[in-house]
Amino acid sequence: LPAAGFAQIVDRTTDAIPTLLELDGAGGMQPVTHLEP
């Protein structure tokens, strides 16, 4: 993963928050609420 996205995942891991994320064009991760095709 890009460094920015991985850092966000580490934050979620440390905070113990289960989350579905989507990789955006800038290398970050955004929460997903609707699983569009």
PDB file of all heavy atoms in Angstrom:
ATOM      1  N   LEU A   1       0.823  -1.196   0.000  1.00  0.00           N
ATOM      2  CA  LEU A   1       0.000   0.000   0.000  1.00  0.00           C
ATOM      3  C   LEU A   1       0.862   1.254   0.000  1.00  0.00           C
ATOM      4  O   LEU A   1       1.993   1.232   0.494  1.00  0.00           O
ATOM      5  CB  LEU A   1      -0.902   0.031   1.243  1.00  0.00           C
ATOM      6  CG  LEU A   1      -1.993  -1.029   1.330  1.00  0.00           C
ATOM      7  CD1 LEU A   1      -2.590  -1.043   2.726  1.00  0.00           C
ATOM      8  CD2 LEU A   1      -3.069  -0.768   0.300  1.00  0.00           C
ATOM      9  N   PRO A   2       0.326   2.358  -0.519  1.00  0.00           N
ATOM     10  CA  PRO A   2       1.031   3.643  -0.376  1.00  0.00           C
ATOM     11  C   PRO A   2       1.184   3.997   1.095  1.00  0.00           C
ATOM     12  O   PRO A   2       0.388   3.570   1.937  1.00  0.00           O
ATOM     13  CB  PRO A   2       0.108   4.639  -1.097  1.00  0.00           C
ATOM     14  CG  PRO A   2      -0.748   3.808  -1.988  1.00  0.00           C
ATOM     15  CD  PRO A   2      -0.903   2.486  -1.298  1.00  0.00           C
ATOM     16  N   ALA A   3       2.191   4.792   1.411  1.00  0.00           N
ATOM     17  CA  ALA A   3       2.490   5.123   2.805  1.00  0.00           C
ATOM     18  C   ALA A   3       1.308   5.792   3.499  1.00  0.00           C
ATOM     19  O   ALA A   3       0.990   5.490   4.652  1.00  0.00           O
ATOM     20  CB  ALA A   3       3.725   6.029   2.875  1.00  0.00           C
ATOM     21  N   ALA A   4       0.623   6.711   2.794  1.00  0.00           N
ATOM     22  CA  ALA A   4      -0.498   7.422   3.412  1.00  0.00           C
ATOM     23  C   ALA A   4      -1.628   6.463   3.765  1.00  0.00           C
ATOM     24  O   ALA A   4      -2.206   6.530   4.859  1.00  0.00           O
ATOM     25  CB  ALA A   4      -1.014   8.513   2.477  1.00  0.00           C
ATOM     26  N   GLY A   5      -1.950   5.564   2.858  1.00  0.00           N
ATOM     27  CA  GLY A   5      -3.020   4.601   3.118  1.00  0.00           C
ATOM     28  C   GLY A   5      -2.667   3.650   4.237  1.00  0.00           C
ATOM     29  O   GLY A   5      -3.512   3.324   5.083  1.00  0.00           O
ATOM     30  N   PHE A   6      -1.422   3.218   4.256  1.00  0.00           N
ATOM     31  CA  PHE A   6      -1.005   2.298   5.311  1.00  0.00           C
ATOM     32  C   PHE A   6      -1.066   2.974   6.683  1.00  0.00           C
ATOM     33  O   PHE A   6      -1.469   2.357   7.676  1.00  0.00           O
ATOM     34  CB  PHE A   6       0.403   1.786   5.046  1.00  0.00           C
ATOM     35  CG  PHE A   6       0.879   0.785   6.067  1.00  0.00           C
ATOM     36  CD1 PHE A   6       0.431  -0.516   6.031  1.00  0.00           C
ATOM     37  CD2 PHE A   6       1.767   1.167   7.065  1.00  0.00           C
ATOM     38  CE1 PHE A   6       0.855  -1.440   6.980  1.00  0.00           C
ATOM     39  CE2 PHE A   6       2.194   0.247   8.012  1.00  0.00           C
ATOM     40  CZ  PHE A   6       1.737  -1.061   7.967  1.00  0.00           C
ATOM     41  N   ALA A   7      -0.691   4.253   6.753  1.00  0.00           N
ATOM     42  CA  ALA A   7      -0.746   4.980   8.026  1.00  0.00           C
ATOM     43  C   ALA A   7      -2.178   5.048   8.551  1.00  0.00           C
ATOM     44  O   ALA A   7      -2.414   4.927   9.757  1.00  0.00           O
ATOM     45  CB  ALA A   7      -0.178   6.382   7.851  1.00  0.00           C
ATOM     46  N   GLN A   8      -3.144   5.221   7.654  1.00  0.00           N
ATOM     47  CA  GLN A   8      -4.538   5.256   8.078  1.00  0.00           C
ATOM     48  C   GLN A   8      -4.988   3.902   8.602  1.00  0.00           C
ATOM     49  O   GLN A   8      -5.747   3.822   9.575  1.00  0.00           O
ATOM     50  CB  GLN A   8      -5.423   5.702   6.912  1.00  0.00           C
ATOM     51  CG  GLN A   8      -5.266   7.165   6.539  1.00  0.00           C
ATOM     52  CD  GLN A   8      -6.056   7.524   5.303  1.00  0.00           C
ATOM     53  OE1 GLN A   8      -5.604   7.338   4.179  1.00  0.00           O
ATOM     54  NE2 GLN A   8      -7.263   8.034   5.514  1.00  0.00           N
ATOM     55  N   ILE A   9      -4.530   2.853   7.978  1.00  0.00           N
ATOM     56  CA  ILE A   9      -4.883   1.504   8.436  1.00  0.00           C
ATOM     57  C   ILE A   9      -4.286   1.231   9.810  1.00  0.00           C
ATOM     58  O   ILE A   9      -4.937   0.640  10.683  1.00  0.00           O
ATOM     59  CB  ILE A   9      -4.416   0.458   7.402  1.00  0.00           C
ATOM     60  CG1 ILE A   9      -5.316   0.534   6.157  1.00  0.00           C
ATOM     61  CG2 ILE A   9      -4.418  -0.944   7.989  1.00  0.00           C
ATOM     62  CD1 ILE A   9      -4.844  -0.301   5.003  1.00  0.00           C
ATOM     63  N   VAL A  10      -3.061   1.673  10.031  1.00  0.00           N
ATOM     64  CA  VAL A  10      -2.439   1.518  11.346  1.00  0.00           C
ATOM     65  C   VAL A  10      -3.241   2.264  12.403  1.00  0.00           C
ATOM     66  O   VAL A  10      -3.455   1.756  13.515  1.00  0.00           O
ATOM     67  CB  VAL A  10      -0.974   2.014  11.315  1.00  0.00           C
ATOM     68  CG1 VAL A  10      -0.410   2.137  12.733  1.00  0.00           C
ATOM     69  CG2 VAL A  10      -0.114   1.055  10.496  1.00  0.00           C
ATOM     70  N   ASP A  11      -3.735   3.458  12.070  1.00  0.00           N
ATOM     71  CA  ASP A  11      -4.557   4.212  13.018  1.00  0.00           C
ATOM     72  C   ASP A  11      -5.814   3.436  13.380  1.00  0.00           C
ATOM     73  O   ASP A  11      -6.213   3.383  14.547  1.00  0.00           O
ATOM     74  CB  ASP A  11      -4.938   5.578  12.441  1.00  0.00           C
ATOM     75  CG  ASP A  11      -3.756   6.546  12.402  1.00  0.00           C
ATOM     76  OD1 ASP A  11      -2.767   6.292  13.117  1.00  0.00           O
ATOM     77  OD2 ASP A  11      -3.830   7.535  11.648  1.00  0.00           O
ATOM     78  N   ARG A  12      -6.466   2.857  12.379  1.00  0.00           N
ATOM     79  CA  ARG A  12      -7.674   2.064  12.637  1.00  0.00           C
ATOM     80  C   ARG A  12      -7.349   0.845  13.481  1.00  0.00           C
ATOM     81  O   ARG A  12      -8.122   0.451  14.350  1.00  0.00           O
ATOM     82  CB  ARG A  12      -8.305   1.624  11.314  1.00  0.00           C
ATOM     83  CG  ARG A  12      -8.756   2.767  10.435  1.00  0.00           C
ATOM     84  CD  ARG A  12     -10.080   3.329  10.881  1.00  0.00           C
ATOM     85  NE  ARG A  12     -10.486   4.467  10.072  1.00  0.00           N
ATOM     86  CZ  ARG A  12     -11.708   4.973  10.045  1.00  0.00           C
ATOM     87  NH1 ARG A  12     -12.638   4.441  10.814  1.00  0.00           N
ATOM     88  NH2 ARG A  12     -11.997   6.023   9.302  1.00  0.00           N
ATOM     89  N   THR A  13      -6.202   0.254  13.235  1.00  0.00           N
ATOM     90  CA  THR A  13      -5.783  -0.920  14.004  1.00  0.00           C
ATOM     91  C   THR A  13      -5.566  -0.548  15.466  1.00  0.00           C
ATOM     92  O   THR A  13      -6.049  -1.235  16.371  1.00  0.00           O
ATOM     93  CB  THR A  13      -4.482  -1.491  13.415  1.00  0.00           C
ATOM     94  OG1 THR A  13      -4.721  -1.913  12.073  1.00  0.00           O
ATOM     95  CG2 THR A  13      -3.981  -2.666  14.239  1.00  0.00           C
ATOM     96  N   THR A  14      -4.856   0.544  15.701  1.00  0.00           N
ATOM     97  CA  THR A  14      -4.557   0.971  17.063  1.00  0.00           C
ATOM     98  C   THR A  14      -5.818   1.360  17.812  1.00  0.00           C
ATOM     99  O   THR A  14      -5.962   1.089  19.007  1.00  0.00           O
ATOM    100  CB  THR A  14      -3.570   2.150  17.038  1.00  0.00           C
ATOM    101  OG1 THR A  14      -2.393   1.762  16.304  1.00  0.00           O
ATOM    102  CG2 THR A  14      -3.154   2.540  18.443  1.00  0.00           C
ATOM    103  N   ASP A  15      -6.767   1.990  17.095  1.00  0.00           N
ATOM    104  CA  ASP A  15      -8.019   2.409  17.722  1.00  0.00           C
ATOM    105  C   ASP A  15      -9.027   1.274  17.833  1.00  0.00           C
ATOM    106  O   ASP A  15     -10.099   1.462  18.421  1.00  0.00           O
ATOM    107  CB  ASP A  15      -8.652   3.561  16.927  1.00  0.00           C
ATOM    108  CG  ASP A  15      -7.818   4.828  16.976  1.00  0.00           C
ATOM    109  OD1 ASP A  15      -7.004   4.955  17.911  1.00  0.00           O
ATOM    110  OD2 ASP A  15      -7.973   5.677  16.090  1.00  0.00           O
ATOM    111  N   ALA A  16      -8.706   0.119  17.267  1.00  0.00           N
ATOM    112  CA  ALA A  16      -9.591  -1.061  17.303  1.00  0.00           C
ATOM    113  C   ALA A  16     -10.941  -0.767  16.668  1.00  0.00           C
ATOM    114  O   ALA A  16     -11.992  -1.134  17.201  1.00  0.00           O
ATOM    115  CB  ALA A  16      -9.755  -1.567  18.735  1.00  0.00           C
ATOM    116  N   ILE A  17     -10.918  -0.112  15.494  1.00  0.00           N
ATOM    117  CA  ILE A  17     -12.152   0.216  14.780  1.00  0.00           C
ATOM    118  C   ILE A  17     -12.215  -0.611  13.500  1.00  0.00           C
ATOM    119  O   ILE A  17     -11.472  -0.346  12.544  1.00  0.00           O
ATOM    120  CB  ILE A  17     -12.216   1.712  14.428  1.00  0.00           C
ATOM    121  CG1 ILE A  17     -12.099   2.568  15.689  1.00  0.00           C
ATOM    122  CG2 ILE A  17     -13.503   2.030  13.685  1.00  0.00           C
ATOM    123  CD1 ILE A  17     -12.001   4.050  15.399  1.00  0.00           C
ATOM    124  N   PRO A  18     -13.099  -1.622  13.422  1.00  0.00           N
ATOM    125  CA  PRO A  18     -13.228  -2.378  12.169  1.00  0.00           C
ATOM    126  C   PRO A  18     -13.861  -1.502  11.098  1.00  0.00           C
ATOM    127  O   PRO A  18     -14.877  -0.853  11.324  1.00  0.00           O
ATOM    128  CB  PRO A  18     -14.132  -3.547  12.548  1.00  0.00           C
ATOM    129  CG  PRO A  18     -14.893  -3.085  13.748  1.00  0.00           C
ATOM    130  CD  PRO A  18     -14.000  -2.124  14.470  1.00  0.00           C
ATOM    131  N   THR A  19     -13.257  -1.445   9.932  1.00  0.00           N
ATOM    132  CA  THR A  19     -13.696  -0.487   8.906  1.00  0.00           C
ATOM    133  C   THR A  19     -13.457  -1.045   7.512  1.00  0.00           C
ATOM    134  O   THR A  19     -12.436  -1.664   7.235  1.00  0.00           O
ATOM    135  CB  THR A  19     -12.922   0.843   9.034  1.00  0.00           C
ATOM    136  OG1 THR A  19     -12.852   1.252  10.396  1.00  0.00           O
ATOM    137  CG2 THR A  19     -13.585   1.934   8.225  1.00  0.00           C
ATOM    138  N   LEU A  20     -14.413  -0.756   6.624  1.00  0.00           N
ATOM    139  CA  LEU A  20     -14.248  -1.033   5.203  1.00  0.00           C
ATOM    140  C   LEU A  20     -13.748   0.241   4.538  1.00  0.00           C
ATOM    141  O   LEU A  20     -14.372   1.296   4.640  1.00  0.00           O
ATOM    142  CB  LEU A  20     -15.584  -1.465   4.598  1.00  0.00           C
ATOM    143  CG  LEU A  20     -15.566  -1.873   3.122  1.00  0.00           C
ATOM    144  CD1 LEU A  20     -14.662  -3.091   2.905  1.00  0.00           C
ATOM    145  CD2 LEU A  20     -16.983  -2.156   2.636  1.00  0.00           C
ATOM    146  N   LEU A  21     -12.599   0.158   3.867  1.00  0.00           N
ATOM    147  CA  LEU A  21     -11.955   1.326   3.269  1.00  0.00           C
ATOM    148  C   LEU A  21     -11.736   1.125   1.781  1.00  0.00           C
ATOM    149  O   LEU A  21     -11.597  -0.003   1.298  1.00  0.00           O
ATOM    150  CB  LEU A  21     -10.604   1.583   3.947  1.00  0.00           C
ATOM    151  CG  LEU A  21     -10.605   1.848   5.454  1.00  0.00           C
ATOM    152  CD1 LEU A  21      -9.179   1.855   5.980  1.00  0.00           C
ATOM    153  CD2 LEU A  21     -11.303   3.166   5.764  1.00  0.00           C
ATOM    154  N   GLU A  22     -11.681   2.254   1.058  1.00  0.00           N
ATOM    155  CA  GLU A  22     -11.411   2.213  -0.380  1.00  0.00           C
ATOM    156  C   GLU A  22     -10.210   3.096  -0.679  1.00  0.00           C
ATOM    157  O   GLU A  22     -10.110   4.222  -0.175  1.00  0.00           O
ATOM    158  CB  GLU A  22     -12.633   2.692  -1.165  1.00  0.00           C
ATOM    159  CG  GLU A  22     -12.441   2.624  -2.682  1.00  0.00           C
ATOM    160  CD  GLU A  22     -13.735   2.906  -3.438  1.00  0.00           C
ATOM    161  OE1 GLU A  22     -14.692   2.131  -3.266  1.00  0.00           O
ATOM    162  OE2 GLU A  22     -13.789   3.922  -4.161  1.00  0.00           O
ATOM    163  N   LEU A  23      -9.314   2.594  -1.491  1.00  0.00           N
ATOM    164  CA  LEU A  23      -8.113   3.337  -1.870  1.00  0.00           C
ATOM    165  C   LEU A  23      -8.483   4.424  -2.868  1.00  0.00           C
ATOM    166  O   LEU A  23      -9.100   4.156  -3.905  1.00  0.00           O
ATOM    167  CB  LEU A  23      -7.085   2.386  -2.484  1.00  0.00           C
ATOM    168  CG  LEU A  23      -5.696   2.952  -2.790  1.00  0.00           C
ATOM    169  CD1 LEU A  23      -4.977   3.332  -1.507  1.00  0.00           C
ATOM    170  CD2 LEU A  23      -4.876   1.933  -3.580  1.00  0.00           C
ATOM    171  N   ASP A  24      -8.139   5.680  -2.530  1.00  0.00           N
ATOM    172  CA  ASP A  24      -8.457   6.779  -3.437  1.00  0.00           C
ATOM    173  C   ASP A  24      -7.280   7.084  -4.357  1.00  0.00           C
ATOM    174  O   ASP A  24      -6.207   6.482  -4.259  1.00  0.00           O
ATOM    175  CB  ASP A  24      -8.892   8.035  -2.658  1.00  0.00           C
ATOM    176  CG  ASP A  24      -7.791   8.571  -1.741  1.00  0.00           C
ATOM    177  OD1 ASP A  24      -6.603   8.341  -2.029  1.00  0.00           O
ATOM    178  OD2 ASP A  24      -8.133   9.234  -0.741  1.00  0.00           O
ATOM    179  N   GLY A  25      -7.469   8.054  -5.259  1.00  0.00           N
ATOM    180  CA  GLY A  25      -6.447   8.363  -6.249  1.00  0.00           C
ATOM    181  C   GLY A  25      -5.185   8.959  -5.678  1.00  0.00           C
ATOM    182  O   GLY A  25      -4.119   8.920  -6.307  1.00  0.00           O
ATOM    183  N   ALA A  26      -5.271   9.505  -4.446  1.00  0.00           N
ATOM    184  CA  ALA A  26      -4.106  10.135  -3.829  1.00  0.00           C
ATOM    185  C   ALA A  26      -3.312   9.177  -2.946  1.00  0.00           C
ATOM    186  O   ALA A  26      -2.364   9.586  -2.275  1.00  0.00           O
ATOM    187  CB  ALA A  26      -4.561  11.347  -3.001  1.00  0.00           C
ATOM    188  N   GLY A  27      -3.705   7.928  -2.917  1.00  0.00           N
ATOM    189  CA  GLY A  27      -2.991   6.948  -2.105  1.00  0.00           C
ATOM    190  C   GLY A  27      -3.508   6.846  -0.685  1.00  0.00           C
ATOM    191  O   GLY A  27      -2.928   6.142   0.141  1.00  0.00           O
ATOM    192  N   GLY A  28      -4.598   7.564  -0.376  1.00  0.00           N
ATOM    193  CA  GLY A  28      -5.206   7.471   0.952  1.00  0.00           C
ATOM    194  C   GLY A  28      -6.370   6.501   0.969  1.00  0.00           C
ATOM    195  O   GLY A  28      -6.765   5.948  -0.065  1.00  0.00           O
ATOM    196  N   MET A  29      -6.934   6.287   2.142  1.00  0.00           N
ATOM    197  CA  MET A  29      -8.052   5.364   2.301  1.00  0.00           C
ATOM    198  C   MET A  29      -9.277   6.134   2.769  1.00  0.00           C
ATOM    199  O   MET A  29      -9.199   6.936   3.706  1.00  0.00           O
ATOM    200  CB  MET A  29      -7.720   4.272   3.326  1.00  0.00           C
ATOM    201  CG  MET A  29      -6.419   3.520   3.067  1.00  0.00           C
ATOM    202  SD  MET A  29      -6.398   2.593   1.513  1.00  0.00           S
ATOM    203  CE  MET A  29      -7.717   1.411   1.772  1.00  0.00           C
ATOM    204  N   GLN A  30     -10.422   5.870   2.139  1.00  0.00           N
ATOM    205  CA  GLN A  30     -11.664   6.519   2.510  1.00  0.00           C
ATOM    206  C   GLN A  30     -12.689   5.474   2.957  1.00  0.00           C
ATOM    207  O   GLN A  30     -12.790   4.410   2.347  1.00  0.00           O
ATOM    208  CB  GLN A  30     -12.242   7.303   1.308  1.00  0.00           C
ATOM    209  CG  GLN A  30     -11.323   8.371   0.762  1.00  0.00           C
ATOM    210  CD  GLN A  30     -11.018   9.445   1.788  1.00  0.00           C
ATOM    211  OE1 GLN A  30     -11.864   9.789   2.616  1.00  0.00           O
ATOM    212  NE2 GLN A  30      -9.801   9.977   1.750  1.00  0.00           N
ATOM    213  N   PRO A  31     -13.452   5.759   4.018  1.00  0.00           N
ATOM    214  CA  PRO A  31     -14.482   4.804   4.470  1.00  0.00           C
ATOM    215  C   PRO A  31     -15.521   4.577   3.376  1.00  0.00           C
ATOM    216  O   PRO A  31     -15.876   5.492   2.628  1.00  0.00           O
ATOM    217  CB  PRO A  31     -15.097   5.493   5.690  1.00  0.00           C
ATOM    218  CG  PRO A  31     -14.076   6.476   6.146  1.00  0.00           C
ATOM    219  CD  PRO A  31     -13.363   6.936   4.906  1.00  0.00           C
ATOM    220  N   VAL A  32     -16.008   3.351   3.310  1.00  0.00           N
ATOM    221  CA  VAL A  32     -17.025   2.966   2.325  1.00  0.00           C
ATOM    222  C   VAL A  32     -18.316   2.646   3.064  1.00  0.00           C
ATOM    223  O   VAL A  32     -18.322   1.868   4.018  1.00  0.00           O
ATOM    224  CB  VAL A  32     -16.580   1.732   1.517  1.00  0.00           C
ATOM    225  CG1 VAL A  32     -17.664   1.315   0.538  1.00  0.00           C
ATOM    226  CG2 VAL A  32     -15.286   2.019   0.787  1.00  0.00           C
ATOM    227  N   THR A  33     -19.411   3.237   2.612  1.00  0.00           N
ATOM    228  CA  THR A  33     -20.709   2.945   3.214  1.00  0.00           C
ATOM    229  C   THR A  33     -21.644   2.216   2.253  1.00  0.00           C
ATOM    230  O   THR A  33     -22.563   1.522   2.683  1.00  0.00           O
ATOM    231  CB  THR A  33     -21.398   4.235   3.698  1.00  0.00           C
ATOM    232  OG1 THR A  33     -21.501   5.147   2.596  1.00  0.00           O
ATOM    233  CG2 THR A  33     -20.596   4.884   4.816  1.00  0.00           C
ATOM    234  N   HIS A  34     -21.418   2.384   0.952  1.00  0.00           N
ATOM    235  CA  HIS A  34     -22.216   1.681  -0.053  1.00  0.00           C
ATOM    236  C   HIS A  34     -21.273   1.002  -1.036  1.00  0.00           C
ATOM    237  O   HIS A  34     -20.374   1.646  -1.589  1.00  0.00           O
ATOM    238  CB  HIS A  34     -23.148   2.637  -0.799  1.00  0.00           C
ATOM    239  CG  HIS A  34     -24.270   3.147   0.029  1.00  0.00           C
ATOM    240  ND1 HIS A  34     -24.127   4.178   0.939  1.00  0.00           N
ATOM    241  CD2 HIS A  34     -25.565   2.743   0.118  1.00  0.00           C
ATOM    242  CE1 HIS A  34     -25.287   4.411   1.532  1.00  0.00           C
ATOM    243  NE2 HIS A  34     -26.171   3.550   1.060  1.00  0.00           N
ATOM    244  N   LEU A  35     -21.482  -0.272  -1.249  1.00  0.00           N
ATOM    245  CA  LEU A  35     -20.594  -1.048  -2.105  1.00  0.00           C
ATOM    246  C   LEU A  35     -21.070  -0.972  -3.551  1.00  0.00           C
ATOM    247  O   LEU A  35     -21.705  -1.888  -4.073  1.00  0.00           O
ATOM    248  CB  LEU A  35     -20.540  -2.507  -1.619  1.00  0.00           C
ATOM    249  CG  LEU A  35     -19.967  -2.694  -0.218  1.00  0.00           C
ATOM    250  CD1 LEU A  35     -19.953  -4.164   0.165  1.00  0.00           C
ATOM    251  CD2 LEU A  35     -18.567  -2.134  -0.129  1.00  0.00           C
ATOM    252  N   GLU A  36     -20.756   0.137  -4.184  1.00  0.00           N
ATOM    253  CA  GLU A  36     -21.124   0.310  -5.583  1.00  0.00           C
ATOM    254  C   GLU A  36     -20.153  -0.470  -6.468  1.00  0.00           C
ATOM    255  O   GLU A  36     -18.969  -0.609  -6.144  1.00  0.00           O
ATOM    256  CB  GLU A  36     -21.087   1.800  -5.966  1.00  0.00           C
ATOM    257  CG  GLU A  36     -21.976   2.683  -5.110  1.00  0.00           C
ATOM    258  CD  GLU A  36     -23.450   2.389  -5.307  1.00  0.00           C
ATOM    259  OE1 GLU A  36     -23.794   1.759  -6.339  1.00  0.00           O
ATOM    260  OE2 GLU A  36     -24.244   2.767  -4.434  1.00  0.00           O
ATOM    261  N   PRO A  37     -20.634  -0.987  -7.611  1.00  0.00           N
ATOM    262  CA  PRO A  37     -19.722  -1.699  -8.526  1.00  0.00           C
ATOM    263  C   PRO A  37     -18.720  -0.742  -9.165  1.00  0.00           C
ATOM    264  O   PRO A  37     -18.937   0.475  -9.209  1.00  0.00           O
ATOM    265  CB  PRO A  37     -20.683  -2.298  -9.562  1.00  0.00           C
ATOM    266  CG  PRO A  37     -21.899  -1.412  -9.519  1.00  0.00           C
ATOM    267  CD  PRO A  37     -22.016  -0.960  -8.089  1.00  0.00           C
TER     268      PRO A  37
END
